[in-house]
Amino acid sequence: DNIYLDYYEEWGLILFELNLKTFIDVCRNIGAIPILLTQPRLVKKDNSQQEKRSIGYHLQGLNHSALYNSFIKCDSIIFNVGDKKIVEVFDLASKIESDLNHLSFVLDVFDKFAP
């Protein structure tokens, strides 16, 4: 955990918000109905050591706290953009249990395709 950053860059969140707004605009421009959703994920505030071993910290370069906080901030951006742009948001992150039993399929697929 000491080799990863304990903060995330704000510009990443700004680009995330811009990408969401662009996605919504493009959907509407082609006549599609945009929807947003939060991402079910293994990262939670109080992960066990076993769960932490399954989290790809090396992919983001963030320690556990920074990664957790960045997900919380991204969820907030998703809800705010949804409100501002009048788009339905499905909160899957709060509906799907964030543990190895519920997310093992996602982790297996990710392991097969991750660099």
N, C-alpha and C. Protein backbone atom coordinates (compact mmCIF):
# COMPACT_ATOMS: atom_id res chain seq x y z
N ASP A 1 0.82 -1.20 0.00
CA ASP A 1 0.00 0.00 0.00
C ASP A 1 0.86 1.26 0.00
N ASN A 2 2.09 1.17 0.48
CA ASN A 2 2.96 2.35 0.57
C ASN A 2 3.49 2.81 -0.78
N ILE A 3 3.45 1.95 -1.80
CA ILE A 3 4.01 2.34 -3.09
C ILE A 3 3.00 3.09 -3.96
N TYR A 4 1.76 3.14 -3.52
CA TYR A 4 0.72 3.79 -4.31
C TYR A 4 0.37 5.16 -3.73
N LEU A 5 -0.14 6.03 -4.59
CA LEU A 5 -0.49 7.39 -4.17
C LEU A 5 -1.63 7.38 -3.17
N ASP A 6 -1.60 8.32 -2.24
CA ASP A 6 -2.67 8.44 -1.26
C ASP A 6 -3.65 9.55 -1.62
N TYR A 7 -3.63 9.96 -2.89
CA TYR A 7 -4.55 10.99 -3.38
C TYR A 7 -4.82 10.72 -4.86
N TYR A 8 -5.88 11.30 -5.35
CA TYR A 8 -6.17 11.22 -6.78
C TYR A 8 -6.19 12.64 -7.33
N GLU A 9 -5.93 12.76 -8.60
CA GLU A 9 -5.86 14.07 -9.24
C GLU A 9 -7.26 14.56 -9.60
N GLU A 10 -7.56 15.80 -9.29
CA GLU A 10 -8.87 16.38 -9.57
C GLU A 10 -9.16 16.43 -11.08
N TRP A 11 -8.12 16.60 -11.90
CA TRP A 11 -8.36 16.68 -13.34
C TRP A 11 -9.00 15.39 -13.86
N GLY A 12 -8.70 14.26 -13.24
CA GLY A 12 -9.32 13.00 -13.65
C GLY A 12 -10.82 13.02 -13.44
N LEU A 13 -11.24 13.61 -12.33
CA LEU A 13 -12.67 13.71 -12.04
C LEU A 13 -13.36 14.70 -12.97
N ILE A 14 -12.66 15.77 -13.31
CA ILE A 14 -13.20 16.76 -14.26
C ILE A 14 -13.41 16.10 -15.62
N LEU A 15 -12.44 15.32 -16.07
CA LEU A 15 -12.58 14.61 -17.35
C LEU A 15 -13.68 13.56 -17.30
N PHE A 16 -13.83 12.88 -16.17
CA PHE A 16 -14.89 11.90 -15.99
C PHE A 16 -16.25 12.57 -16.16
N GLU A 17 -16.44 13.71 -15.51
CA GLU A 17 -17.70 14.44 -15.63
C GLU A 17 -17.94 14.89 -17.07
N LEU A 18 -16.92 15.40 -17.71
CA LEU A 18 -17.04 15.83 -19.10
C LEU A 18 -17.41 14.66 -20.01
N ASN A 19 -16.81 13.50 -19.78
CA ASN A 19 -17.12 12.31 -20.58
C ASN A 19 -18.57 11.88 -20.39
N LEU A 20 -19.07 11.95 -19.16
CA LEU A 20 -20.48 11.60 -18.92
C LEU A 20 -21.41 12.54 -19.67
N LYS A 21 -21.12 13.84 -19.58
CA LYS A 21 -21.96 14.83 -20.27
C LYS A 21 -21.90 14.63 -21.78
N THR A 22 -20.74 14.33 -22.30
CA THR A 22 -20.58 14.08 -23.74
C THR A 22 -21.36 12.84 -24.15
N PHE A 23 -21.25 11.79 -23.35
CA PHE A 23 -22.00 10.55 -23.61
C PHE A 23 -23.50 10.84 -23.70
N ILE A 24 -24.01 11.59 -22.75
CA ILE A 24 -25.44 11.92 -22.73
C ILE A 24 -25.83 12.72 -23.96
N ASP A 25 -25.03 13.71 -24.31
CA ASP A 25 -25.32 14.54 -25.48
C ASP A 25 -25.29 13.72 -26.77
N VAL A 26 -24.31 12.85 -26.91
CA VAL A 26 -24.21 12.01 -28.11
C VAL A 26 -25.42 11.07 -28.19
N CYS A 27 -25.79 10.46 -27.07
CA CYS A 27 -26.97 9.59 -27.06
C CYS A 27 -28.20 10.34 -27.55
N ARG A 28 -28.41 11.52 -27.01
CA ARG A 28 -29.58 12.30 -27.39
C ARG A 28 -29.51 12.75 -28.85
N ASN A 29 -28.30 13.06 -29.31
CA ASN A 29 -28.15 13.50 -30.70
C ASN A 29 -28.50 12.41 -31.70
N ILE A 30 -28.33 11.16 -31.32
CA ILE A 30 -28.66 10.06 -32.23
C ILE A 30 -30.03 9.46 -31.93
N GLY A 31 -30.76 10.07 -31.01
CA GLY A 31 -32.11 9.61 -30.70
C GLY A 31 -32.18 8.50 -29.68
N ALA A 32 -31.09 8.24 -28.98
CA ALA A 32 -31.07 7.20 -27.95
C ALA A 32 -31.41 7.82 -26.59
N ILE A 33 -31.86 6.98 -25.68
CA ILE A 33 -32.17 7.44 -24.33
C ILE A 33 -30.98 7.07 -23.44
N PRO A 34 -30.25 8.07 -22.95
CA PRO A 34 -29.10 7.75 -22.10
C PRO A 34 -29.55 7.33 -20.70
N ILE A 35 -28.80 6.41 -20.12
CA ILE A 35 -28.95 6.08 -18.71
C ILE A 35 -27.54 6.02 -18.12
N LEU A 36 -27.46 6.29 -16.85
CA LEU A 36 -26.19 6.20 -16.14
C LEU A 36 -26.34 5.16 -15.04
N LEU A 37 -25.23 4.57 -14.64
CA LEU A 37 -25.26 3.65 -13.52
C LEU A 37 -23.97 3.73 -12.73
N THR A 38 -24.09 3.44 -11.45
CA THR A 38 -22.90 3.34 -10.62
C THR A 38 -22.35 1.93 -10.77
N GLN A 39 -21.07 1.79 -10.56
CA GLN A 39 -20.38 0.53 -10.82
C GLN A 39 -20.28 -0.34 -9.57
N PRO A 40 -20.83 -1.56 -9.63
CA PRO A 40 -20.57 -2.50 -8.53
C PRO A 40 -19.07 -2.75 -8.47
N ARG A 41 -18.53 -2.82 -7.28
CA ARG A 41 -17.08 -2.94 -7.16
C ARG A 41 -16.71 -3.62 -5.85
N LEU A 42 -15.54 -4.18 -5.86
CA LEU A 42 -15.05 -4.84 -4.66
C LEU A 42 -14.55 -3.83 -3.64
N VAL A 43 -14.09 -2.69 -4.10
CA VAL A 43 -13.51 -1.69 -3.21
C VAL A 43 -14.58 -1.11 -2.29
N LYS A 44 -14.36 -1.24 -1.00
CA LYS A 44 -15.21 -0.62 0.02
C LYS A 44 -14.31 -0.15 1.15
N LYS A 45 -14.87 0.62 2.03
CA LYS A 45 -14.06 1.25 3.08
C LYS A 45 -13.33 0.21 3.95
N ASP A 46 -13.99 -0.89 4.23
CA ASP A 46 -13.46 -1.86 5.19
C ASP A 46 -13.21 -3.23 4.58
N ASN A 47 -12.51 -3.28 3.44
CA ASN A 47 -12.20 -4.56 2.81
C ASN A 47 -11.32 -5.42 3.71
N SER A 48 -11.56 -6.73 3.63
CA SER A 48 -10.69 -7.69 4.32
C SER A 48 -9.35 -7.78 3.58
N GLN A 49 -8.37 -8.36 4.20
CA GLN A 49 -7.06 -8.54 3.54
C GLN A 49 -7.20 -9.44 2.32
N GLN A 50 -8.05 -10.46 2.41
CA GLN A 50 -8.27 -11.35 1.26
C GLN A 50 -8.88 -10.56 0.10
N GLU A 51 -9.85 -9.70 0.38
CA GLU A 51 -10.45 -8.90 -0.68
C GLU A 51 -9.43 -7.93 -1.27
N LYS A 52 -8.62 -7.33 -0.41
CA LYS A 52 -7.61 -6.37 -0.89
C LYS A 52 -6.63 -7.03 -1.85
N ARG A 53 -6.34 -8.33 -1.64
CA ARG A 53 -5.43 -9.04 -2.56
C ARG A 53 -6.04 -9.18 -3.97
N SER A 54 -7.36 -9.06 -4.08
CA SER A 54 -8.03 -9.19 -5.37
C SER A 54 -8.25 -7.85 -6.07
N ILE A 55 -7.91 -6.76 -5.41
CA ILE A 55 -8.10 -5.43 -5.98
C ILE A 55 -6.84 -5.04 -6.75
N GLY A 56 -7.00 -4.57 -7.96
CA GLY A 56 -5.86 -4.23 -8.82
C GLY A 56 -5.32 -2.83 -8.56
N TYR A 57 -4.75 -2.62 -7.39
CA TYR A 57 -4.22 -1.29 -7.05
C TYR A 57 -3.19 -0.82 -8.07
N HIS A 58 -2.43 -1.78 -8.62
CA HIS A 58 -1.38 -1.43 -9.59
C HIS A 58 -1.96 -0.80 -10.86
N LEU A 59 -3.22 -1.05 -11.15
CA LEU A 59 -3.83 -0.49 -12.36
C LEU A 59 -4.13 0.99 -12.23
N GLN A 60 -4.48 1.43 -11.01
CA GLN A 60 -4.79 2.84 -10.79
C GLN A 60 -3.64 3.59 -10.14
N GLY A 61 -2.77 2.86 -9.47
CA GLY A 61 -1.65 3.50 -8.77
C GLY A 61 -2.07 4.23 -7.50
N LEU A 62 -3.25 3.88 -6.97
CA LEU A 62 -3.75 4.52 -5.76
C LEU A 62 -3.78 3.53 -4.61
N ASN A 63 -3.54 4.02 -3.40
CA ASN A 63 -3.69 3.14 -2.25
C ASN A 63 -5.18 2.92 -1.97
N HIS A 64 -5.47 2.10 -0.98
CA HIS A 64 -6.87 1.71 -0.75
C HIS A 64 -7.76 2.91 -0.43
N SER A 65 -7.33 3.75 0.44
CA SER A 65 -8.13 4.91 0.85
C SER A 65 -8.42 5.83 -0.34
N ALA A 66 -7.39 6.14 -1.12
CA ALA A 66 -7.56 7.03 -2.27
C ALA A 66 -8.47 6.39 -3.32
N LEU A 67 -8.33 5.10 -3.53
CA LEU A 67 -9.17 4.41 -4.51
C LEU A 67 -10.63 4.41 -4.05
N TYR A 68 -10.86 4.09 -2.78
CA TYR A 68 -12.22 4.11 -2.24
C TYR A 68 -12.82 5.51 -2.38
N ASN A 69 -12.08 6.53 -1.98
CA ASN A 69 -12.58 7.90 -2.05
C ASN A 69 -12.84 8.35 -3.49
N SER A 70 -12.03 7.88 -4.42
CA SER A 70 -12.25 8.25 -5.82
C SER A 70 -13.54 7.62 -6.34
N PHE A 71 -13.85 6.38 -5.93
CA PHE A 71 -15.11 5.77 -6.33
C PHE A 71 -16.30 6.54 -5.75
N ILE A 72 -16.20 6.95 -4.50
CA ILE A 72 -17.28 7.71 -3.87
C ILE A 72 -17.49 9.03 -4.62
N LYS A 73 -16.41 9.69 -4.97
CA LYS A 73 -16.50 10.95 -5.71
C LYS A 73 -17.09 10.72 -7.10
N CYS A 74 -16.68 9.65 -7.77
CA CYS A 74 -17.24 9.35 -9.10
C CYS A 74 -18.74 9.07 -9.01
N ASP A 75 -19.17 8.34 -7.98
CA ASP A 75 -20.60 8.11 -7.80
C ASP A 75 -21.34 9.43 -7.64
N SER A 76 -20.77 10.34 -6.86
CA SER A 76 -21.37 11.65 -6.65
C SER A 76 -21.50 12.41 -7.98
N ILE A 77 -20.47 12.33 -8.79
CA ILE A 77 -20.49 12.99 -10.10
C ILE A 77 -21.59 12.38 -10.98
N ILE A 78 -21.72 11.06 -10.95
CA ILE A 78 -22.75 10.39 -11.74
C ILE A 78 -24.14 10.89 -11.34
N PHE A 79 -24.40 10.96 -10.04
CA PHE A 79 -25.71 11.43 -9.58
C PHE A 79 -25.94 12.90 -9.92
N ASN A 80 -24.90 13.71 -9.75
CA ASN A 80 -25.04 15.15 -10.06
C ASN A 80 -25.29 15.40 -11.54
N VAL A 81 -24.54 14.71 -12.39
CA VAL A 81 -24.73 14.86 -13.83
C VAL A 81 -26.13 14.35 -14.22
N GLY A 82 -26.54 13.24 -13.65
CA GLY A 82 -27.87 12.72 -13.93
C GLY A 82 -28.96 13.73 -13.57
N ASP A 83 -28.80 14.36 -12.41
CA ASP A 83 -29.77 15.38 -12.01
C ASP A 83 -29.77 16.58 -12.96
N LYS A 84 -28.58 17.09 -13.26
CA LYS A 84 -28.46 18.28 -14.11
C LYS A 84 -28.95 18.05 -15.53
N LYS A 85 -28.66 16.86 -16.07
CA LYS A 85 -29.00 16.57 -17.47
C LYS A 85 -30.32 15.79 -17.59
N ILE A 86 -30.98 15.59 -16.47
CA ILE A 86 -32.26 14.87 -16.42
C ILE A 86 -32.15 13.49 -17.08
N VAL A 87 -31.27 12.68 -16.49
CA VAL A 87 -31.00 11.33 -16.96
C VAL A 87 -31.21 10.37 -15.78
N GLU A 88 -31.84 9.25 -16.05
CA GLU A 88 -32.04 8.26 -14.99
C GLU A 88 -30.71 7.61 -14.61
N VAL A 89 -30.53 7.44 -13.30
CA VAL A 89 -29.32 6.82 -12.76
C VAL A 89 -29.72 5.57 -11.99
N PHE A 90 -29.12 4.45 -12.36
CA PHE A 90 -29.32 3.20 -11.63
C PHE A 90 -28.13 3.01 -10.69
N ASP A 91 -28.42 2.93 -9.42
CA ASP A 91 -27.36 2.81 -8.41
C ASP A 91 -27.03 1.34 -8.15
N LEU A 92 -26.33 0.72 -9.09
CA LEU A 92 -25.97 -0.69 -8.96
C LEU A 92 -24.97 -0.93 -7.84
N ALA A 93 -24.13 0.06 -7.57
CA ALA A 93 -23.12 -0.10 -6.53
C ALA A 93 -23.76 -0.36 -5.17
N SER A 94 -24.92 0.23 -4.92
CA SER A 94 -25.58 0.03 -3.63
C SER A 94 -26.47 -1.21 -3.62
N LYS A 95 -26.74 -1.78 -4.80
CA LYS A 95 -27.66 -2.91 -4.91
C LYS A 95 -26.96 -4.27 -4.96
N ILE A 96 -25.72 -4.28 -5.40
CA ILE A 96 -24.98 -5.54 -5.53
C ILE A 96 -23.93 -5.60 -4.44
N GLU A 97 -23.96 -6.69 -3.67
CA GLU A 97 -23.01 -6.84 -2.56
C GLU A 97 -21.58 -6.74 -3.06
N SER A 98 -20.77 -6.01 -2.34
CA SER A 98 -19.37 -5.81 -2.75
C SER A 98 -18.46 -6.75 -1.96
N ASP A 99 -18.53 -8.03 -2.33
CA ASP A 99 -17.64 -9.01 -1.73
C ASP A 99 -17.20 -10.01 -2.80
N LEU A 100 -16.27 -10.87 -2.45
CA LEU A 100 -15.72 -11.80 -3.44
C LEU A 100 -16.76 -12.78 -3.98
N ASN A 101 -17.73 -13.17 -3.16
CA ASN A 101 -18.76 -14.10 -3.62
C ASN A 101 -19.60 -13.51 -4.74
N HIS A 102 -19.96 -12.25 -4.63
CA HIS A 102 -20.83 -11.62 -5.61
C HIS A 102 -20.08 -11.08 -6.83
N LEU A 103 -18.82 -10.80 -6.68
CA LEU A 103 -18.07 -10.19 -7.77
C LEU A 103 -17.00 -11.11 -8.35
N SER A 104 -17.00 -12.37 -7.99
CA SER A 104 -15.94 -13.28 -8.45
C SER A 104 -15.94 -13.44 -9.96
N PHE A 105 -17.12 -13.46 -10.60
CA PHE A 105 -17.18 -13.58 -12.06
C PHE A 105 -16.48 -12.39 -12.72
N VAL A 106 -16.76 -11.19 -12.23
CA VAL A 106 -16.14 -9.99 -12.78
C VAL A 106 -14.63 -10.07 -12.63
N LEU A 107 -14.16 -10.50 -11.48
CA LEU A 107 -12.72 -10.61 -11.24
C LEU A 107 -12.08 -11.65 -12.14
N ASP A 108 -12.77 -12.78 -12.38
CA ASP A 108 -12.25 -13.82 -13.26
C ASP A 108 -12.10 -13.31 -14.68
N VAL A 109 -13.13 -12.63 -15.18
CA VAL A 109 -13.08 -12.08 -16.54
C VAL A 109 -11.98 -11.04 -16.64
N PHE A 110 -11.89 -10.18 -15.63
CA PHE A 110 -10.88 -9.13 -15.63
C PHE A 110 -9.48 -9.73 -15.69
N ASP A 111 -9.23 -10.78 -14.91
CA ASP A 111 -7.91 -11.43 -14.90
C ASP A 111 -7.53 -11.95 -16.29
N LYS A 112 -8.51 -12.38 -17.06
CA LYS A 112 -8.23 -12.95 -18.38
C LYS A 112 -7.87 -11.88 -19.40
N PHE A 113 -8.38 -10.66 -19.22
CA PHE A 113 -8.19 -9.63 -20.23
C PHE A 113 -7.33 -8.46 -19.78
N ALA A 114 -6.99 -8.41 -18.51
CA ALA A 114 -6.19 -7.27 -18.00
C ALA A 114 -4.76 -7.37 -18.49
N PRO A 115 -4.14 -6.23 -18.71
CA PRO A 115 -2.74 -6.25 -19.18
C PRO A 115 -1.80 -6.78 -18.13
